[in-house]
């Protein structure tokens, strides 16, 4: 339900639906369901509005069709409007002040939900119904704008939690229930001298609070840093608050308690200074004892050092013998490594020679014949042409030719029987015929199931030599 309580009359100017005379001497029937209809406008956006009465007999102004989406009043909830109406009613009835709803400053720097003004015009207080989320920085900036214009402000929230509460002049209210009126449950506070803390007052009727604020009885007080933790008896906990509403008597009580605390702090500092001096004297005596003990320790240390020197000389001799032993063992290890390296080189040379003989048995035509025999079934199986390593036989592939499908290793063409230990795991091996397959299987280093042969005859080798 999007509504507003103020409108601009073409002749009477600003009118207020919450006042019996609309604030300008007119009656409600003069604007409600009249023919022809009065050309009323929204004070916020200038769009046309018309007078209406809700099911709860609440008089208000509603926007005509085609209303602009950016009108601030359209974004306010029904609860917001009802709280503004309650604040305006309290100002008029309890404080006997003049109250206008939805008032914008001439320079547009602020817009008050309810602007309360004393009859002599010397005091103005903006009562702001704050239901939507707002940051502490934003609400402090808006409060400063009110102060710059000489307007007091009190922010009012019915929410269970408002992070900005206590950072600006503010109260938290509870809606009527079970015959209980609107109640202020946070904001006003009294100072408890015995406990040295501010205690929130949570049973104050909203109308009474508005009346006392209008009379200047409670004022916004910036709590001393020592007392920022305010006691909330209903919740049985403390909350940090920087500002509270209170009276001068409670401010004086806080001042007296602060003076008492400062005296206590001064006595505490004096006791701490005396204790510090006593500790310094005890420390000096302890230092003298320490120095004497240190001299005794130095004498014993000198004697111990002589014994250690003798022991170190013995350890040095033992260490030299151990070093020589390690050097001998290292020479033996290096000799073993060289022998192993020589054996490896001999093995590699043996494998290269065996590979040369192995591949020397075939002509270029036979190698091409074998590659074609391998390529045809792989093309049918994998729907991709196999690629044979252009480097030819390589050691890492047991001196065979690597076969890749889609750039992944699939198998090896005709690896050397003497180098099968170099084969990558789980690859297929392709040879010309059963004789070559038997040669590979006979080494015992490869699973015969991984060997594929094509029964290519050996006699071609003889015809091609």
Protein backbone atom coordinates (compact mmCIF):
# COMPACT_ATOMS: atom_id res chain seq x y z
CA UNK A 1 0.00 0.00 0.00
CA UNK A 2 1.71 3.16 -1.25
CA UNK A 3 0.34 6.31 0.40
CA UNK A 4 1.21 9.80 1.63
CA UNK A 5 -0.31 12.13 4.20
CA UNK A 6 0.59 15.43 2.49
CA UNK A 7 -0.37 16.96 -0.84
CA UNK A 8 -0.18 20.31 -2.66
CA UNK A 9 -3.58 22.02 -3.12
CA UNK A 10 -3.79 24.34 -6.16
CA UNK A 11 -5.07 27.20 -3.97
CA UNK A 12 -4.47 26.36 -0.32
CA UNK A 13 -0.91 25.09 -0.84
CA UNK A 14 0.34 22.23 1.32
CA UNK A 15 -2.42 20.23 3.06
CA UNK A 16 -2.12 17.50 5.71
CA UNK A 17 -4.59 14.57 5.75
CA UNK A 18 -3.89 13.91 9.44
CA UNK A 19 -5.23 17.30 10.59
CA UNK A 20 -8.97 18.00 11.00
CA UNK A 21 -8.71 21.22 8.96
CA UNK A 22 -6.02 19.79 6.66
CA UNK A 23 -3.72 22.44 8.14
CA UNK A 24 -5.25 25.24 6.07
CA UNK A 25 -8.88 25.61 7.11
CA UNK A 26 -10.29 23.10 4.60
CA UNK A 27 -12.45 20.09 5.44
CA UNK A 28 -11.80 16.58 4.17
CA UNK A 29 -14.93 16.53 1.98
CA UNK A 30 -13.48 19.56 0.17
CA UNK A 31 -10.84 17.29 -1.42
CA UNK A 32 -12.34 13.77 -1.09
CA UNK A 33 -14.60 12.53 -3.90
CA UNK A 34 -15.34 16.03 -5.16
CA UNK A 35 -16.58 16.72 -8.67
CA UNK A 36 -14.79 18.09 -10.49
CA UNK A 37 -11.81 16.51 -8.74
CA UNK A 38 -9.32 18.87 -7.07
CA UNK A 39 -5.96 18.89 -8.90
CA UNK A 40 -3.78 17.74 -6.01
CA UNK A 41 -0.06 17.06 -6.52
CA UNK A 42 2.57 15.03 -4.66
CA UNK A 43 4.96 17.35 -2.77
CA UNK A 44 7.81 14.94 -3.47
CA UNK A 45 7.58 14.20 -7.21
CA UNK A 46 4.84 16.64 -8.44
CA UNK A 47 2.70 13.81 -9.87
CA UNK A 48 -1.06 13.94 -9.44
CA UNK A 49 -2.60 12.43 -6.30
CA UNK A 50 -6.16 11.94 -5.02
CA UNK A 51 -7.69 11.74 -1.53
CA UNK A 52 -8.64 8.29 -0.21
CA UNK A 53 -9.80 6.60 3.02
CA UNK A 54 -8.49 3.15 3.97
CA UNK A 55 -10.50 0.24 5.40
CA UNK A 56 -9.25 1.33 8.82
CA UNK A 57 -10.66 4.83 8.24
CA UNK A 58 -7.16 6.24 7.61
CA UNK A 59 -7.16 9.37 5.45
CA UNK A 60 -4.34 9.65 2.92
CA UNK A 61 -3.35 10.64 -0.61
CA UNK A 62 -2.65 8.06 -3.32
CA UNK A 63 -0.77 8.62 -6.57
CA UNK A 64 -2.67 8.70 -9.84
CA UNK A 65 -1.85 6.08 -12.51
CA UNK A 66 1.48 6.53 -14.27
CA UNK A 67 3.27 7.56 -11.10
CA UNK A 68 7.08 7.95 -11.34
CA UNK A 69 8.99 4.98 -9.95
CA UNK A 70 11.61 7.18 -8.28
CA UNK A 71 9.23 8.98 -5.91
CA UNK A 72 10.64 8.47 -2.41
CA UNK A 73 7.18 8.09 -0.82
CA UNK A 74 6.35 5.14 -3.06
CA UNK A 75 9.22 3.19 -1.49
CA UNK A 76 7.90 3.63 2.06
CA UNK A 77 5.99 0.72 3.61
CA UNK A 78 2.62 0.92 5.33
CA UNK A 79 4.36 0.36 8.67
CA UNK A 80 6.55 3.39 7.93
CA UNK A 81 3.53 5.59 7.25
CA UNK A 82 1.68 4.38 10.34
CA UNK A 83 4.68 5.08 12.56
CA UNK A 84 4.96 8.59 11.11
CA UNK A 85 1.29 9.13 11.82
CA UNK A 86 1.75 7.92 15.41
CA UNK A 87 4.69 10.31 15.90
CA UNK A 88 2.74 13.24 14.51
CA UNK A 89 -0.23 12.40 16.76
CA UNK A 90 2.04 12.23 19.82
CA UNK A 91 3.62 15.60 18.98
CA UNK A 92 0.24 17.29 18.61
CA UNK A 93 -1.54 15.64 21.54
CA UNK A 94 1.19 15.18 24.14
CA UNK A 95 3.57 18.02 23.38
CA UNK A 96 0.95 20.49 22.08
CA UNK A 97 3.34 21.40 19.29
CA UNK A 98 2.68 21.91 15.61
CA UNK A 99 3.51 18.80 13.55
CA UNK A 100 3.88 18.54 9.77
CA UNK A 101 4.43 15.28 7.92
CA UNK A 102 6.89 14.76 5.10
CA UNK A 103 8.49 18.22 5.15
CA UNK A 104 11.41 19.02 2.83
CA UNK A 105 13.88 21.82 3.61
CA UNK A 106 13.95 24.76 1.21
CA UNK A 107 17.44 23.83 -0.03
CA UNK A 108 16.58 20.12 -0.29
CA UNK A 109 19.31 18.98 2.13
CA UNK A 110 16.84 17.11 4.36
CA UNK A 111 13.29 15.77 4.40
CA UNK A 112 11.67 15.12 7.79
CA UNK A 113 9.07 12.40 8.28
CA UNK A 114 7.53 14.53 11.02
CA UNK A 115 8.71 18.08 11.69
CA UNK A 116 7.63 19.26 15.16
CA UNK A 117 7.74 23.00 15.85
CA UNK A 118 7.08 24.90 19.07
CA UNK A 119 4.34 27.51 18.89
CA UNK A 120 6.83 30.37 19.31
CA UNK A 121 8.94 28.94 16.45
CA UNK A 122 12.14 28.83 18.54
CA UNK A 123 12.53 25.06 18.46
CA UNK A 124 12.18 22.45 15.74
CA UNK A 125 12.64 18.68 16.07
CA UNK A 126 12.56 16.17 13.23
CA UNK A 127 11.09 12.77 14.19
CA UNK A 128 12.41 10.21 11.69
CA UNK A 129 10.74 6.79 11.33
CA UNK A 130 13.68 4.62 10.19
CA UNK A 131 12.53 1.13 9.19
CA UNK A 132 14.79 0.39 6.22
CA UNK A 133 18.47 -0.58 6.68
CA UNK A 134 20.93 2.32 6.76
CA UNK A 135 24.66 2.52 7.50
CA UNK A 136 26.01 4.31 10.54
CA UNK A 137 27.94 6.73 8.32
CA UNK A 138 24.82 7.65 6.32
CA UNK A 139 22.62 8.23 9.37
CA UNK A 140 25.33 10.31 11.08
CA UNK A 141 25.68 12.43 7.93
CA UNK A 142 21.90 13.02 7.80
CA UNK A 143 21.92 13.93 11.51
CA UNK A 144 24.69 16.47 10.87
CA UNK A 145 22.59 18.06 8.10
CA UNK A 146 19.73 18.54 10.56
CA UNK A 147 22.13 20.09 13.07
CA UNK A 148 23.54 22.48 10.47
CA UNK A 149 19.98 23.69 9.84
CA UNK A 150 19.31 24.23 13.56
CA UNK A 151 16.86 21.32 13.69
CA UNK A 152 16.97 18.69 16.43
CA UNK A 153 16.37 15.08 15.43
CA UNK A 154 15.32 11.79 16.95
CA UNK A 155 15.52 8.58 14.90
CA UNK A 156 12.79 6.05 15.72
CA UNK A 157 12.91 2.33 14.89
CA UNK A 158 10.55 -0.53 15.79
CA UNK A 159 13.14 -3.12 14.70
CA UNK A 160 14.54 -5.59 17.22
CA UNK A 161 18.07 -4.60 16.21
CA UNK A 162 19.34 -1.35 14.67
CA UNK A 163 23.15 -1.13 14.31
CA UNK A 164 23.04 2.67 14.36
CA UNK A 165 21.14 2.84 17.68
CA UNK A 166 23.16 4.91 20.16
CA UNK A 167 25.34 6.47 17.45
CA UNK A 168 22.78 9.24 16.79
CA UNK A 169 19.88 10.63 18.89
CA UNK A 170 17.56 7.63 18.64
CA UNK A 171 14.97 5.46 20.31
CA UNK A 172 13.59 1.97 19.71
CA UNK A 173 9.82 1.55 20.10
CA UNK A 174 7.43 -1.37 20.54
CA UNK A 175 4.03 -1.43 18.83
CA UNK A 176 0.83 -1.55 20.90
CA UNK A 177 -0.23 -4.99 22.13
CA UNK A 178 -2.76 -6.31 24.66
CA UNK A 179 -3.97 -2.84 25.58
CA UNK A 180 -0.44 -1.49 25.96
CA UNK A 181 0.29 1.76 24.02
CA UNK A 182 3.35 2.53 21.91
CA UNK A 183 6.32 2.10 24.26
CA UNK A 184 9.91 3.35 24.12
CA UNK A 185 12.09 0.31 24.92
CA UNK A 186 15.54 1.76 24.16
CA UNK A 187 17.12 5.20 24.09
CA UNK A 188 16.26 6.79 27.47
CA UNK A 189 18.62 5.74 30.24
CA UNK A 190 19.32 6.45 33.91
CA UNK A 191 22.69 6.30 35.62
CA UNK A 192 22.99 3.78 38.49
CA UNK A 193 25.66 5.15 40.84
CA UNK A 194 25.96 1.95 42.89
CA UNK A 195 26.70 -0.19 39.85
CA UNK A 196 28.51 2.55 37.94
CA UNK A 197 26.58 2.00 34.72
CA UNK A 198 23.85 3.43 32.54
CA UNK A 199 20.61 1.43 32.65
CA UNK A 200 18.13 1.62 29.79
CA UNK A 201 14.52 2.59 30.58
CA UNK A 202 12.17 0.31 28.63
CA UNK A 203 8.70 1.11 30.07
CA UNK A 204 8.23 4.71 28.93
CA UNK A 205 5.16 5.50 26.81
CA UNK A 206 5.97 7.12 23.48
CA UNK A 207 3.59 10.03 24.12
CA UNK A 208 5.28 10.79 27.46
CA UNK A 209 8.72 10.65 25.86
CA UNK A 210 7.68 13.03 23.04
CA UNK A 211 6.17 15.43 25.60
CA UNK A 212 9.34 15.45 27.77
CA UNK A 213 11.63 15.92 24.74
CA UNK A 214 9.50 18.87 23.63
CA UNK A 215 9.86 20.35 27.11
CA UNK A 216 13.63 19.80 27.03
CA UNK A 217 13.58 17.53 30.08
CA UNK A 218 15.61 14.65 28.62
CA UNK A 219 18.55 15.65 26.44
CA UNK A 220 20.91 13.72 24.21
CA UNK A 221 23.98 12.93 26.27
CA UNK A 222 27.30 11.65 24.95
CA UNK A 223 28.27 8.92 27.40
CA UNK A 224 31.78 9.05 28.82
CA UNK A 225 34.00 6.35 27.26
CA UNK A 226 34.23 4.51 30.56
CA UNK A 227 30.45 3.96 30.59
CA UNK A 228 29.72 2.98 26.97
CA UNK A 229 28.45 -0.43 28.11
CA UNK A 230 24.76 0.19 28.87
CA UNK A 231 22.74 -2.39 30.84
CA UNK A 232 19.58 -3.78 29.20
CA UNK A 233 17.66 -5.40 32.03
CA UNK A 234 14.95 -6.94 29.82
CA UNK A 235 17.61 -8.79 27.80
CA UNK A 236 19.97 -9.34 30.79
CA UNK A 237 22.99 -8.08 28.86
CA UNK A 238 25.16 -5.05 28.09
CA UNK A 239 25.29 -3.23 24.77
CA UNK A 240 27.69 -0.49 23.74
CA UNK A 241 26.01 2.89 23.26
CA UNK A 242 27.62 6.30 22.67
CA UNK A 243 24.49 8.48 23.03
CA UNK A 244 21.51 8.19 25.39
CA UNK A 245 18.48 10.31 26.26
CA UNK A 246 18.64 11.35 29.93
CA UNK A 247 18.20 14.20 32.38
CA UNK A 248 20.72 16.63 33.83
CA UNK A 249 20.41 14.88 37.21
CA UNK A 250 21.66 11.60 35.74
CA UNK A 251 24.42 13.42 33.86
CA UNK A 252 25.50 14.93 37.19
CA UNK A 253 25.41 11.44 38.73
CA UNK A 254 27.67 10.14 35.97
CA UNK A 255 30.01 13.09 36.59
CA UNK A 256 30.14 12.33 40.33
CA UNK A 257 30.79 8.67 39.65
CA UNK A 258 33.55 9.58 37.17
CA UNK A 259 35.15 11.83 39.80
CA UNK A 260 35.01 8.95 42.29
CA UNK A 261 36.53 6.61 39.73
CA UNK A 262 39.30 9.09 39.01
CA UNK A 263 40.08 9.28 42.74
CA UNK A 264 40.11 5.51 42.85
CA UNK A 265 42.37 5.43 39.82
CA UNK A 266 44.73 7.95 41.50
CA UNK A 267 44.89 5.80 44.64
CA UNK A 268 45.43 2.74 42.50
CA UNK A 269 48.27 4.45 40.63
CA UNK A 270 49.81 5.45 43.99
CA UNK A 271 49.63 1.86 45.23
CA UNK A 272 51.07 0.64 41.96
CA UNK A 273 53.94 3.15 42.25
CA UNK A 274 54.68 2.01 45.79
CA UNK A 275 54.55 -1.56 44.67
CA UNK A 276 56.82 -0.71 41.76
CA UNK A 277 59.38 0.88 44.07
CA UNK A 278 59.27 -2.17 46.36
CA UNK A 279 59.72 -4.40 43.35
CA UNK A 280 62.69 -2.31 42.19
CA UNK A 281 64.36 -2.64 45.64
CA UNK A 282 63.71 -6.38 45.66
CA UNK A 283 65.10 -6.57 42.14
CA UNK A 284 68.30 -4.73 43.21
CA UNK A 285 68.80 -7.16 46.07
CA UNK A 286 68.14 -10.08 43.78
CA UNK A 287 70.67 -8.66 41.29
CA UNK A 288 73.35 -8.51 43.99
CA UNK A 289 72.69 -12.13 44.86
CA UNK A 290 72.71 -13.02 41.20
CA UNK A 291 76.13 -11.41 40.65
CA UNK A 292 77.60 -13.31 43.58
CA UNK A 293 76.16 -16.53 42.25
CA UNK A 294 77.52 -15.62 38.83
CA UNK A 295 81.06 -15.33 40.19
CA UNK A 296 80.74 -18.75 41.77
CA UNK A 297 79.46 -20.16 38.52
CA UNK A 298 82.37 -18.63 36.59
CA UNK A 299 84.86 -20.35 38.88
CA UNK A 300 83.14 -23.67 38.41
CA UNK A 301 82.85 -22.99 34.68
CA UNK A 302 86.60 -22.43 34.35
CA UNK A 303 87.24 -25.77 35.98
CA UNK A 304 84.69 -27.41 33.79
CA UNK A 305 86.20 -25.77 30.69
CA UNK A 306 89.56 -27.35 31.43
CA UNK A 307 87.93 -30.75 31.66
CA UNK A 308 86.02 -30.09 28.43
CA UNK A 309 89.23 -29.08 26.61
CA UNK A 310 90.76 -32.40 27.48
CA UNK A 311 87.63 -34.19 26.38
CA UNK A 312 87.54 -32.16 23.15
CA UNK A 313 91.08 -33.15 22.31
CA UNK A 314 90.08 -36.78 22.70
CA UNK A 315 86.96 -36.21 20.61
CA UNK A 316 89.03 -34.47 17.92
CA UNK A 317 91.32 -37.49 17.67
CA UNK A 318 88.32 -39.80 17.43
CA UNK A 319 86.73 -37.52 14.83
CA UNK A 320 89.90 -37.56 12.71
CA UNK A 321 89.92 -41.33 12.72
CA UNK A 322 86.24 -41.35 11.76
CA UNK A 323 86.92 -38.83 8.97
CA UNK A 324 89.67 -40.99 7.53
CA UNK A 325 87.36 -43.99 7.74
CA UNK A 326 84.64 -42.11 5.90
CA UNK A 327 87.09 -40.99 3.20
CA UNK A 328 88.09 -44.60 2.66
CA UNK A 329 84.44 -45.66 2.47
CA UNK A 330 83.68 -42.79 0.08
CA UNK A 331 86.54 -43.80 -2.22
CA UNK A 332 85.19 -47.33 -2.23
CA UNK A 333 81.69 -46.06 -3.01
CA UNK A 334 82.96 -43.87 -5.84
CA UNK A 335 84.85 -46.84 -7.26
CA UNK A 336 81.62 -48.88 -7.15
CA UNK A 337 79.73 -46.05 -8.85
CA UNK A 338 82.35 -45.85 -11.59
CA UNK A 339 82.20 -49.61 -12.06
CA UNK A 340 78.40 -49.45 -12.23
CA UNK A 341 78.58 -46.58 -14.73
CA UNK A 342 81.03 -48.51 -16.86
CA UNK A 343 78.71 -51.51 -16.69
CA UNK A 344 75.81 -49.28 -17.72
CA UNK A 345 77.77 -47.89 -20.65
CA UNK A 346 78.75 -51.39 -21.72
CA UNK A 347 75.07 -52.41 -21.45
CA UNK A 348 73.99 -49.44 -23.54
CA UNK A 349 76.67 -50.18 -26.12
CA UNK A 350 75.55 -53.81 -26.18
CA UNK A 351 71.94 -52.76 -26.66
CA UNK A 352 72.82 -50.29 -29.43
CA UNK A 353 74.80 -52.95 -31.30
CA UNK A 354 71.99 -55.45 -30.82
CA UNK A 355 69.50 -52.84 -32.07
CA UNK A 356 71.64 -52.13 -35.11
CA UNK A 357 71.70 -55.87 -35.92
CA UNK A 358 67.96 -56.18 -35.15
CA UNK A 359 67.01 -53.38 -37.51
CA UNK A 360 69.77 -54.28 -39.98
CA UNK A 361 67.83 -57.46 -40.75
CA UNK A 362 65.17 -55.35 -42.52
CA UNK A 363 65.23 -53.24 -45.62
CA UNK A 364 63.47 -49.91 -45.94
CA UNK A 365 60.73 -51.61 -47.94
CA UNK A 366 60.14 -54.20 -45.22
CA UNK A 367 59.95 -51.46 -42.58
CA UNK A 368 57.41 -49.62 -44.73
CA UNK A 369 55.51 -52.90 -45.22
CA UNK A 370 55.33 -53.41 -41.44
CA UNK A 371 54.18 -49.80 -40.80
CA UNK A 372 51.39 -50.21 -43.34
CA UNK A 373 50.34 -53.51 -41.75
CA UNK A 374 50.12 -51.78 -38.36
CA UNK A 375 48.38 -48.64 -39.60
CA UNK A 376 45.41 -50.34 -41.32
CA UNK A 377 43.81 -52.10 -38.27
CA UNK A 378 44.56 -49.14 -35.97
CA UNK A 379 42.80 -46.80 -38.39
CA UNK A 380 39.74 -49.04 -38.38
CA UNK A 381 39.75 -49.49 -34.59
CA UNK A 382 40.42 -45.91 -33.49
CA UNK A 383 39.14 -43.92 -36.48
CA UNK A 384 42.42 -42.05 -36.45
CA UNK A 385 45.62 -42.50 -38.40
CA UNK A 386 48.53 -43.62 -36.22
CA UNK A 387 51.72 -41.51 -36.26
CA UNK A 388 55.14 -43.18 -36.27
CA UNK A 389 57.93 -41.34 -34.49
CA UNK A 390 60.04 -39.60 -37.14
CA UNK A 391 63.15 -40.09 -34.95
CA UNK A 392 63.01 -43.80 -35.68
CA UNK A 393 64.16 -46.29 -33.04
CA UNK A 394 64.93 -44.56 -29.70
CA UNK A 395 66.38 -45.91 -26.42
CA UNK A 396 63.38 -44.83 -24.34
CA UNK A 397 61.16 -47.04 -26.51
CA UNK A 398 63.51 -50.09 -26.29
CA UNK A 399 65.08 -49.12 -29.62
CA UNK A 400 61.69 -49.49 -31.29
CA UNK A 401 59.63 -46.84 -33.11
CA UNK A 402 56.94 -45.11 -31.03
CA UNK A 403 53.34 -45.27 -32.38
CA UNK A 404 50.99 -42.45 -31.30
CA UNK A 405 47.28 -42.04 -31.82
CA UNK A 406 45.94 -38.52 -31.26
CA UNK A 407 49.33 -37.58 -29.84
CA UNK A 408 49.14 -40.24 -27.12
CA UNK A 409 51.54 -43.19 -27.01
CA UNK A 410 49.74 -46.33 -28.17
CA UNK A 411 52.50 -48.85 -28.86
CA UNK A 412 56.02 -49.55 -30.11
CA UNK A 413 57.02 -50.94 -33.49
CA UNK A 414 59.53 -53.80 -33.33
CA UNK A 415 61.43 -53.07 -30.05
CA UNK A 416 64.85 -54.69 -29.62
CA UNK A 417 64.66 -57.94 -27.60
CA UNK A 418 67.76 -56.92 -25.64
CA UNK A 419 66.12 -53.66 -24.49
CA UNK A 420 62.59 -54.72 -23.55
CA UNK A 421 63.18 -53.57 -19.96
CA UNK A 422 63.05 -49.99 -21.30
CA UNK A 423 59.48 -50.32 -22.60
CA UNK A 424 56.85 -48.02 -21.07
CA UNK A 425 54.22 -50.02 -19.16
CA UNK A 426 51.03 -51.31 -20.82
CA UNK A 427 51.91 -50.49 -24.43
CA UNK A 428 51.30 -52.70 -27.43
CA UNK A 429 54.23 -54.17 -29.34
CA UNK A 430 54.03 -54.83 -33.08
CA UNK A 431 56.43 -57.20 -34.97
CA UNK A 432 56.52 -58.77 -38.40
CA UNK A 433 55.75 -62.39 -37.66
CA UNK A 434 55.50 -65.19 -35.13
CA UNK A 435 59.27 -65.76 -35.17
CA UNK A 436 59.95 -62.18 -34.01
CA UNK A 437 57.10 -62.44 -31.48
CA UNK A 438 58.66 -65.61 -30.12
CA UNK A 439 62.03 -63.83 -29.83
CA UNK A 440 60.48 -61.09 -27.71
CA UNK A 441 58.41 -63.48 -25.56
CA UNK A 442 61.44 -65.69 -24.93
CA UNK A 443 63.14 -62.87 -23.03
CA UNK A 444 60.56 -63.24 -20.24
CA UNK A 445 60.35 -59.46 -19.80
CA UNK A 446 57.09 -58.84 -21.70
CA UNK A 447 53.58 -60.28 -21.58
CA UNK A 448 53.03 -62.25 -24.81
CA UNK A 449 49.44 -60.97 -24.85
CA UNK A 450 50.80 -57.50 -25.58
CA UNK A 451 52.64 -58.68 -28.76
CA UNK A 452 50.89 -58.34 -32.13
CA UNK A 453 52.42 -59.89 -35.28
CA UNK A 454 51.25 -59.91 -38.90
CA UNK A 455 52.79 -63.11 -40.31
CA UNK A 456 54.96 -61.15 -42.73
CA UNK A 457 57.41 -63.60 -44.34
CA UNK A 458 61.11 -63.60 -43.54
CA UNK A 459 62.14 -64.56 -47.08
CA UNK A 460 61.65 -61.02 -48.33
CA UNK A 461 64.57 -60.06 -46.16
CA UNK A 462 66.79 -62.42 -48.15
CA UNK A 463 65.50 -61.15 -51.45
CA UNK A 464 66.13 -57.55 -50.45
CA UNK A 465 69.73 -57.92 -49.19
